[in-house]
Amino acid sequence: MSKSEAVRQPHAAPLPAPGASEVFQLLRDGQPRTRAELAQLTGLARSTVASRVETLMKLGLIAPFGGAASTGGRPPSLLALNPGARVVAGADVGATHILVTLTDLSGAVLAEQREALKVAEGPDRVLGWLAGAVAKLLHQAGRTGADLGAIGIGLPGPVEHDSGRPMNPPIMPGWDRFDVPGQLQRQFNVPVLVDNDVNIMALGEQVTGWSGTLDLMFIKVATGIGAGIISGGQLQRGAQGTAGDLGHVRVPRGGDVMCHCGNYGCLEALASGPALAAALEEKGREASTSQDVIDLVRTGDPEAIQVVRQAGRDIGDVLAACVNLINPSVIIIGGSLAQAGEYLLAGIREVVYKRSLPLATEHLRIAPSTAGGRAGVIGAAAMAIGHVLSPEAIEAAGATLR
């Protein structure tokens, strides 16, 4: 370096500071803060905070917000999350439907589309429609592919979360180990996150009605029975992504009842929608679907009420062990059979509060779903937002500016 170059060097534009995500996490909740407050909360020097704020503003993730009261001199400026900086797509793929939503970074819905489409039609057909729907929603919202930060998808079967590939899904012919992210990334150059439907429903419930709850279980009771487990604020997927598969836990009343998995006495073989419909058929009632069971309960049919309440007790047998093991503060009951209302909940509560340790149930709440049929799509969008706003993603984006 020449002497003249050495003299000019200090006047070059400073490089954006690494560690911008540390500052951003304090603004992610949407509460405006001043640079001085950020410095106080992080313990960083004001010059360091200023550099990191500059990086975040260049990324568009934060923006000035109104004004703050002055304590003398020029009023300090407030900074806050800019929810319009990016958009994300969330997709809930069910057995017979797809619901896709486009949201900003606060989760506010910008556009949405639903389609009656069977997942059994295969990944090319389903994902082809999904890609077209995302493009359409971007256009409707006046955004482009460059604004899209990530896509979150929930599928009705086991998923290897790290790769986004379904693993031996029983109701999804042609999907086994299919590269779902790779298929969508042919059209959208963004991260694509895939998980099973129960996990994203747990996220959706947490976002909707339990945002301050760090330990919860979401139980889906429908054609199958499964759980989404959030512990310490983090979704627990397990080593191979099968955490929460309650449907194939043996229950005391199971005896020699055969399950479609090949084992005997599984919870799903006794308490799922098809199992309850079959039990009512044996009692002379016309019931072939979960909805038939629910309709009978709503008419006050005593046999249907008893069958549903017993299903709650069977589910409670399994959940009592979960409560002792995981110690959640809330258990949320969802899925189609949750529409049976208090009869199902009463059976669950009856056994859980009786069989679990007193300390584990002292403050435990067992409550119905608040998000209902939208839990999956809300959770899929929340999963995508979580990725876009993660420290790793922000640091990677900030590195492109340096």
Protein backbone atom coordinates (compact mmCIF):
# COMPACT_ATOMS: atom_id res chain seq x y z
CA MET A 1 0.00 0.00 0.00
CA SER A 2 1.40 3.41 -0.98
CA LYS A 3 1.55 6.33 1.43
CA SER A 4 -1.17 8.16 -0.47
CA GLU A 5 -3.40 5.05 -0.32
CA ALA A 6 -2.80 4.77 3.41
CA VAL A 7 -3.96 8.35 3.86
CA ARG A 8 -7.10 7.78 1.82
CA GLN A 9 -8.03 4.50 3.55
CA PRO A 10 -9.69 5.99 6.70
CA HIS A 11 -12.13 7.96 4.53
CA ALA A 12 -13.50 4.82 2.77
CA ALA A 13 -17.14 3.87 3.51
CA PRO A 14 -17.26 1.60 6.60
CA LEU A 15 -18.27 -2.01 6.06
CA PRO A 16 -21.56 -3.13 7.60
CA ALA A 17 -20.98 -4.65 11.02
CA PRO A 18 -21.58 -8.36 11.53
CA GLY A 19 -23.96 -9.33 14.30
CA ALA A 20 -26.90 -7.28 13.04
CA SER A 21 -29.22 -10.12 14.03
CA GLU A 22 -28.47 -9.48 17.70
CA VAL A 23 -29.95 -6.00 17.41
CA PHE A 24 -32.78 -7.14 15.17
CA GLN A 25 -34.09 -9.72 17.66
CA LEU A 26 -34.91 -6.82 20.00
CA LEU A 27 -37.04 -5.20 17.30
CA ARG A 28 -38.68 -8.35 16.01
CA ASP A 29 -41.60 -8.06 18.44
CA GLY A 30 -42.70 -4.88 16.63
CA GLN A 31 -42.10 -2.59 19.62
CA PRO A 32 -40.30 0.59 18.47
CA ARG A 33 -37.02 1.41 20.20
CA THR A 34 -34.37 4.10 19.93
CA ARG A 35 -30.70 3.48 19.15
CA ALA A 36 -29.89 4.43 22.75
CA GLU A 37 -32.34 1.84 24.06
CA LEU A 38 -30.84 -0.82 21.77
CA ALA A 39 -27.35 0.02 23.03
CA GLN A 40 -28.52 -0.24 26.64
CA LEU A 41 -30.31 -3.56 26.07
CA THR A 42 -27.45 -5.18 24.16
CA GLY A 43 -24.57 -3.65 26.09
CA LEU A 44 -22.95 -2.69 22.76
CA ALA A 45 -21.29 0.61 22.02
CA ARG A 46 -23.55 3.17 20.34
CA SER A 47 -21.27 3.23 17.29
CA THR A 48 -21.62 -0.56 16.95
CA VAL A 49 -25.40 -0.35 17.29
CA ALA A 50 -25.49 2.43 14.69
CA SER A 51 -23.55 0.28 12.21
CA ARG A 52 -25.81 -2.71 12.77
CA VAL A 53 -28.93 -0.58 12.47
CA GLU A 54 -27.58 0.72 9.17
CA THR A 55 -27.19 -2.86 7.93
CA LEU A 56 -30.75 -3.74 8.94
CA MET A 57 -32.11 -0.63 7.26
CA LYS A 58 -30.25 -1.45 4.05
CA LEU A 59 -31.85 -4.90 4.17
CA GLY A 60 -35.21 -3.19 4.63
CA LEU A 61 -35.95 -5.20 7.78
CA ILE A 62 -36.35 -2.15 10.02
CA ALA A 63 -37.52 1.39 9.36
CA PRO A 64 -38.04 4.67 11.25
CA PHE A 65 -41.23 4.71 13.30
CA GLY A 66 -42.85 8.00 14.34
CA GLY A 67 -40.86 9.93 16.91
CA ALA A 68 -39.82 9.68 20.54
CA ALA A 69 -39.96 12.26 23.29
CA SER A 70 -36.88 14.41 23.57
CA THR A 71 -34.95 14.85 26.79
CA GLY A 72 -33.16 17.87 25.34
CA GLY A 73 -31.73 18.55 21.92
CA ARG A 74 -32.90 16.72 18.79
CA PRO A 75 -35.69 14.16 19.43
CA PRO A 76 -34.39 10.57 19.19
CA SER A 77 -35.75 8.53 16.31
CA LEU A 78 -37.61 5.28 16.88
CA LEU A 79 -36.91 2.13 14.91
CA ALA A 80 -39.20 -0.85 14.37
CA LEU A 81 -39.68 -3.99 12.30
CA ASN A 82 -40.74 -3.24 8.73
CA PRO A 83 -43.29 -6.02 8.11
CA GLY A 84 -43.56 -5.19 4.42
CA ALA A 85 -39.87 -5.83 3.76
CA ARG A 86 -40.60 -9.37 2.56
CA VAL A 87 -43.57 -11.64 2.04
CA VAL A 88 -43.84 -15.37 2.67
CA ALA A 89 -46.14 -18.09 1.39
CA GLY A 90 -47.70 -20.69 3.66
CA ALA A 91 -49.44 -23.80 2.33
CA ASP A 92 -51.57 -26.33 4.18
CA VAL A 93 -51.82 -29.44 2.00
CA GLY A 94 -54.55 -31.75 3.28
CA ALA A 95 -55.82 -35.08 2.05
CA THR A 96 -58.44 -33.42 -0.16
CA HIS A 97 -57.63 -29.70 -0.18
CA ILE A 98 -54.89 -27.08 -0.37
CA LEU A 99 -55.01 -23.68 1.30
CA VAL A 100 -52.29 -21.17 0.37
CA THR A 101 -51.75 -17.78 1.95
CA LEU A 102 -49.38 -14.87 1.30
CA THR A 103 -48.47 -12.82 4.38
CA ASP A 104 -46.10 -10.07 5.39
CA LEU A 105 -43.50 -10.56 8.12
CA SER A 106 -46.04 -9.83 10.86
CA GLY A 107 -48.26 -12.66 9.62
CA ALA A 108 -50.94 -10.32 8.19
CA VAL A 109 -52.67 -12.03 5.27
CA LEU A 110 -52.26 -10.23 1.93
CA ALA A 111 -53.93 -12.78 -0.37
CA GLU A 112 -55.22 -16.33 -0.16
CA GLN A 113 -56.45 -19.19 -2.35
CA ARG A 114 -58.09 -22.55 -1.64
CA GLU A 115 -58.48 -25.53 -3.98
CA ALA A 116 -60.22 -28.91 -3.68
CA LEU A 117 -57.34 -31.14 -4.76
CA LYS A 118 -56.48 -34.61 -3.52
CA VAL A 119 -52.92 -35.14 -2.33
CA ALA A 120 -53.17 -38.65 -3.83
CA GLU A 121 -53.04 -37.07 -7.29
CA GLY A 122 -49.27 -36.91 -6.77
CA PRO A 123 -46.54 -34.34 -6.22
CA ASP A 124 -46.31 -33.07 -9.80
CA ARG A 125 -50.01 -32.18 -9.92
CA VAL A 126 -50.21 -30.81 -6.38
CA LEU A 127 -46.95 -28.85 -6.37
CA GLY A 128 -47.62 -27.58 -9.88
CA TRP A 129 -50.88 -26.08 -8.67
CA LEU A 130 -49.16 -24.75 -5.54
CA ALA A 131 -46.44 -22.96 -7.54
CA GLY A 132 -49.06 -21.40 -9.78
CA ALA A 133 -51.07 -20.28 -6.75
CA VAL A 134 -48.06 -18.59 -5.14
CA ALA A 135 -47.31 -16.72 -8.38
CA LYS A 136 -50.96 -15.64 -8.60
CA LEU A 137 -51.03 -14.44 -5.00
CA LEU A 138 -47.84 -12.43 -5.49
CA HIS A 139 -49.47 -10.71 -8.46
CA GLN A 140 -52.68 -10.04 -6.50
CA ALA A 141 -50.69 -8.45 -3.67
CA GLY A 142 -48.65 -6.32 -6.05
CA ARG A 143 -45.41 -8.09 -5.14
CA THR A 144 -42.81 -9.94 -7.19
CA GLY A 145 -40.73 -13.08 -6.77
CA ALA A 146 -37.90 -10.87 -5.49
CA ASP A 147 -40.07 -9.94 -2.49
CA LEU A 148 -40.69 -13.57 -1.55
CA GLY A 149 -38.58 -14.59 1.44
CA ALA A 150 -39.55 -18.24 1.93
CA ILE A 151 -42.27 -20.83 1.44
CA GLY A 152 -43.60 -23.00 4.28
CA ILE A 153 -45.58 -26.17 3.58
CA GLY A 154 -47.42 -28.67 5.76
CA LEU A 155 -48.04 -32.17 4.40
CA PRO A 156 -50.40 -34.86 5.76
CA GLY A 157 -47.70 -37.44 6.44
CA PRO A 158 -44.25 -37.99 7.97
CA VAL A 159 -41.59 -35.57 6.71
CA GLU A 160 -37.82 -35.51 7.06
CA HIS A 161 -37.66 -31.84 7.99
CA ASP A 162 -33.99 -31.25 7.09
CA SER A 163 -34.52 -32.36 3.49
CA GLY A 164 -38.23 -31.56 3.16
CA ARG A 165 -38.93 -35.03 1.75
CA PRO A 166 -42.00 -37.06 2.77
CA MET A 167 -41.06 -40.44 4.24
CA ASN A 168 -43.38 -43.39 3.53
CA PRO A 169 -46.56 -41.29 3.82
CA PRO A 170 -49.53 -43.68 3.99
CA ILE A 171 -52.11 -41.52 2.16
CA MET A 172 -49.71 -39.89 -0.33
CA PRO A 173 -48.93 -42.32 -3.18
CA GLY A 174 -45.98 -41.19 -5.28
CA TRP A 175 -44.66 -38.78 -2.63
CA ASP A 176 -42.18 -41.04 -0.82
CA ARG A 177 -38.80 -39.23 -0.67
CA PHE A 178 -39.94 -36.76 -3.33
CA ASP A 179 -37.81 -33.58 -3.41
CA VAL A 180 -40.55 -31.08 -2.53
CA PRO A 181 -38.22 -28.07 -2.01
CA GLY A 182 -36.31 -28.79 -5.23
CA GLN A 183 -39.53 -28.93 -7.24
CA LEU A 184 -40.72 -25.51 -6.04
CA GLN A 185 -37.26 -23.95 -6.26
CA ARG A 186 -37.35 -24.44 -10.02
CA GLN A 187 -39.72 -21.47 -10.04
CA PHE A 188 -38.89 -19.63 -6.80
CA ASN A 189 -35.29 -19.13 -5.70
CA VAL A 190 -36.12 -19.09 -1.99
CA PRO A 191 -35.86 -21.49 0.97
CA VAL A 192 -38.72 -24.01 1.04
CA LEU A 193 -39.48 -25.49 4.46
CA VAL A 194 -41.64 -28.61 4.76
CA ASP A 195 -43.09 -30.28 7.85
CA ASN A 196 -45.96 -32.59 8.73
CA ASP A 197 -49.37 -31.05 9.20
CA VAL A 198 -49.61 -31.60 12.97
CA ASN A 199 -46.36 -29.76 13.65
CA ILE A 200 -47.40 -26.71 11.65
CA MET A 201 -50.83 -26.77 13.31
CA ALA A 202 -49.05 -26.60 16.68
CA LEU A 203 -47.18 -23.52 15.44
CA GLY A 204 -50.42 -22.04 14.17
CA GLU A 205 -52.11 -22.50 17.53
CA GLN A 206 -49.16 -20.96 19.35
CA VAL A 207 -49.19 -17.90 17.07
CA THR A 208 -52.97 -17.51 17.25
CA GLY A 209 -53.82 -17.85 20.90
CA TRP A 210 -50.81 -18.91 22.95
CA SER A 211 -47.95 -16.65 21.86
CA GLY A 212 -46.53 -16.39 25.38
CA THR A 213 -46.66 -20.14 25.98
CA LEU A 214 -43.32 -21.93 25.70
CA ASP A 215 -44.49 -25.47 26.48
CA LEU A 216 -47.57 -26.80 24.73
CA MET A 217 -48.94 -29.83 22.93
CA PHE A 218 -51.37 -29.73 20.04
CA ILE A 219 -53.39 -32.92 19.55
CA LYS A 220 -55.04 -33.54 16.19
CA VAL A 221 -57.90 -36.03 16.41
CA ALA A 222 -59.22 -36.89 12.97
CA THR A 223 -58.62 -39.77 10.53
CA GLY A 224 -55.37 -40.20 12.44
CA ILE A 225 -54.18 -38.99 15.84
CA GLY A 226 -50.95 -37.08 16.28
CA ALA A 227 -49.30 -34.40 18.39
CA GLY A 228 -47.21 -31.33 17.73
CA ILE A 229 -44.90 -30.66 20.68
CA ILE A 230 -43.44 -27.25 21.51
CA SER A 231 -41.01 -27.36 24.42
CA GLY A 232 -38.98 -24.40 25.63
CA GLY A 233 -40.44 -22.41 22.75
CA GLN A 234 -39.04 -24.79 20.14
CA LEU A 235 -40.90 -27.30 17.99
CA GLN A 236 -39.67 -30.80 18.82
CA ARG A 237 -39.41 -33.06 15.77
CA GLY A 238 -37.21 -35.85 17.09
CA ALA A 239 -34.30 -37.59 15.37
CA GLN A 240 -36.23 -38.69 12.26
CA GLY A 241 -39.15 -36.27 12.51
CA THR A 242 -41.60 -38.74 14.05
CA ALA A 243 -41.96 -37.10 17.48
CA GLY A 244 -45.61 -36.86 18.50
CA ASP A 245 -46.93 -39.94 16.70
CA LEU A 246 -49.42 -40.77 19.45
CA GLY A 247 -51.76 -42.74 17.20
CA HIS A 248 -49.69 -45.88 17.47
CA VAL A 249 -49.18 -45.91 21.22
CA ARG A 250 -50.88 -48.94 22.80
CA VAL A 251 -53.74 -48.11 25.15
CA PRO A 252 -55.04 -50.26 28.03
CA ARG A 253 -58.41 -50.86 26.38
CA GLY A 254 -56.79 -51.83 23.07
CA GLY A 255 -56.71 -55.59 23.63
CA ASP A 256 -56.68 -57.44 20.31
CA VAL A 257 -58.05 -54.56 18.20
CA MET A 258 -55.90 -54.54 15.07
CA CYS A 259 -54.53 -51.27 13.69
CA HIS A 260 -53.77 -50.59 10.03
CA CYS A 261 -50.08 -50.35 11.01
CA GLY A 262 -50.16 -54.11 11.77
CA ASN A 263 -49.96 -53.83 15.56
CA TYR A 264 -52.73 -54.34 18.10
CA GLY A 265 -54.32 -51.95 20.57
CA CYS A 266 -53.15 -48.66 18.98
CA LEU A 267 -54.89 -45.47 20.07
CA GLU A 268 -55.78 -44.70 16.46
CA ALA A 269 -57.60 -48.04 16.12
CA LEU A 270 -59.92 -47.07 18.99
CA ALA A 271 -60.27 -43.29 19.02
CA SER A 272 -59.84 -41.96 15.46
CA GLY A 273 -62.75 -40.77 13.33
CA PRO A 274 -63.04 -44.00 11.30
CA ALA A 275 -62.83 -46.10 14.48
CA LEU A 276 -65.67 -44.18 16.12
CA ALA A 277 -67.80 -44.37 12.97
CA ALA A 278 -67.27 -48.15 12.87
CA ALA A 279 -68.20 -48.45 16.56
CA LEU A 280 -71.45 -46.58 15.93
CA GLU A 281 -72.22 -48.72 12.88
CA GLU A 282 -72.01 -51.77 15.15
CA LYS A 283 -74.57 -50.10 17.41
CA GLY A 284 -76.98 -49.64 14.53
CA ARG A 285 -76.26 -46.00 13.74
CA GLU A 286 -75.59 -44.76 10.20
CA ALA A 287 -72.04 -43.46 10.43
CA SER A 288 -69.20 -43.86 7.97
CA THR A 289 -67.17 -40.66 8.47
CA SER A 290 -65.97 -38.37 11.25
CA GLN A 291 -68.58 -35.83 10.22
CA ASP A 292 -71.31 -38.45 10.68
CA VAL A 293 -70.08 -39.00 14.23
CA ILE A 294 -70.10 -35.26 14.93
CA ASP A 295 -73.59 -34.86 13.46
CA LEU A 296 -74.93 -37.61 15.71
CA VAL A 297 -73.34 -35.99 18.77
CA ARG A 298 -74.91 -32.66 17.87
CA THR A 299 -78.35 -34.26 17.70
CA GLY A 300 -77.85 -35.55 21.23
CA ASP A 301 -77.56 -39.22 20.27
CA PRO A 302 -76.59 -40.98 23.54
CA GLU A 303 -74.60 -43.74 21.85
CA ALA A 304 -72.55 -41.20 19.87
CA ILE A 305 -71.94 -39.11 22.98
CA GLN A 306 -70.74 -42.16 24.91
CA VAL A 307 -68.45 -43.30 22.06
CA VAL A 308 -66.87 -39.85 21.78
CA ARG A 309 -66.41 -39.52 25.53
CA GLN A 310 -64.76 -42.95 25.67
CA ALA A 311 -62.45 -41.85 22.85
CA GLY A 312 -61.51 -38.90 25.04
CA ARG A 313 -60.67 -41.27 27.90
CA ASP A 314 -58.49 -43.39 25.59
CA ILE A 315 -56.67 -40.29 24.36
CA GLY A 316 -56.35 -39.17 27.97
CA ASP A 317 -54.60 -42.45 28.86
CA VAL A 318 -51.83 -41.60 26.41
CA LEU A 319 -51.72 -37.90 27.26
CA ALA A 320 -51.38 -38.61 30.98
CA ALA A 321 -48.01 -40.22 30.29
CA CYS A 322 -47.07 -37.30 28.02
CA VAL A 323 -47.92 -34.79 30.76
CA ASN A 324 -45.66 -36.57 33.22
CA LEU A 325 -42.87 -36.83 30.65
CA ILE A 326 -43.02 -33.44 28.89
CA ASN A 327 -44.86 -31.25 31.44
CA PRO A 328 -46.69 -28.89 29.04
CA SER A 329 -48.62 -25.91 30.40
CA VAL A 330 -51.39 -26.31 27.84
CA ILE A 331 -52.80 -29.13 25.70
CA ILE A 332 -54.83 -27.95 22.70
CA ILE A 333 -57.33 -30.33 21.11
CA GLY A 334 -57.97 -29.87 17.38
CA GLY A 335 -58.73 -31.82 14.23
CA SER A 336 -62.14 -32.71 12.82
CA LEU A 337 -63.33 -34.66 15.89
CA ALA A 338 -62.68 -31.64 18.11
CA GLN A 339 -65.98 -30.37 16.70
CA ALA A 340 -67.62 -32.89 19.02
CA GLY A 341 -66.91 -30.24 21.64
CA GLU A 342 -66.95 -30.76 25.38
CA TYR A 343 -67.77 -34.46 25.23
CA LEU A 344 -64.32 -35.26 23.82
CA LEU A 345 -62.58 -32.75 26.11
CA ALA A 346 -64.42 -34.07 29.16
CA GLY A 347 -63.16 -37.59 28.54
CA ILE A 348 -59.59 -36.36 28.08
CA ARG A 349 -59.66 -34.18 31.19
CA GLU A 350 -61.22 -36.96 33.27
CA VAL A 351 -58.23 -39.25 32.76
CA VAL A 352 -55.37 -36.75 32.46
CA TYR A 353 -56.16 -34.99 35.73
CA LYS A 354 -56.65 -38.33 37.47
CA ARG A 355 -53.58 -40.16 36.15
CA SER A 356 -50.93 -37.41 35.88
CA LEU A 357 -48.78 -36.16 38.74
CA PRO A 358 -50.43 -33.36 40.77
CA LEU A 359 -47.49 -30.99 40.24
CA ALA A 360 -47.68 -31.51 36.45
CA THR A 361 -51.40 -30.73 36.32
CA GLU A 362 -51.51 -27.93 38.90
CA HIS A 363 -51.61 -25.25 36.20
CA LEU A 364 -52.29 -27.43 33.16
CA ARG A 365 -54.99 -26.25 30.76
CA ILE A 366 -56.72 -28.58 28.30
CA ALA A 367 -58.44 -26.35 25.76
CA PRO A 368 -60.09 -26.51 22.33
CA SER A 369 -58.36 -25.15 19.25
CA THR A 370 -58.56 -21.39 18.72
CA ALA A 371 -57.32 -21.40 15.11
CA GLY A 372 -59.60 -24.22 13.94
CA GLY A 373 -59.22 -25.13 10.28
CA ARG A 374 -56.74 -22.31 9.71
CA ALA A 375 -54.13 -23.61 12.16
CA GLY A 376 -52.16 -25.36 9.43
CA VAL A 377 -51.83 -22.46 7.00
CA ILE A 378 -51.08 -20.01 9.83
CA GLY A 379 -48.38 -22.35 11.11
CA ALA A 380 -46.87 -22.85 7.65
CA ALA A 381 -46.56 -19.08 7.20
CA ALA A 382 -45.14 -18.73 10.74
CA MET A 383 -42.51 -21.38 9.95
CA ALA A 384 -41.48 -19.41 6.84
CA ILE A 385 -41.40 -16.11 8.73
CA GLY A 386 -39.30 -17.69 11.47
CA HIS A 387 -36.74 -18.72 8.87
CA VAL A 388 -36.61 -15.32 7.15
CA LEU A 389 -36.12 -13.54 10.47
CA SER A 390 -33.74 -16.08 11.99
CA PRO A 391 -30.29 -14.87 13.10
CA GLU A 392 -28.66 -17.15 10.52
CA ALA A 393 -30.71 -15.74 7.64
CA ILE A 394 -30.13 -12.15 8.69
CA GLU A 395 -26.38 -12.65 9.07
CA ALA A 396 -26.25 -14.32 5.63
CA ALA A 397 -28.18 -11.44 4.08
CA GLY A 398 -25.96 -8.90 5.84
CA ALA A 399 -22.85 -10.63 4.51
CA THR A 400 -23.98 -9.88 0.94
CA LEU A 401 -23.66 -6.16 1.74
CA ARG A 402 -20.07 -6.39 2.89
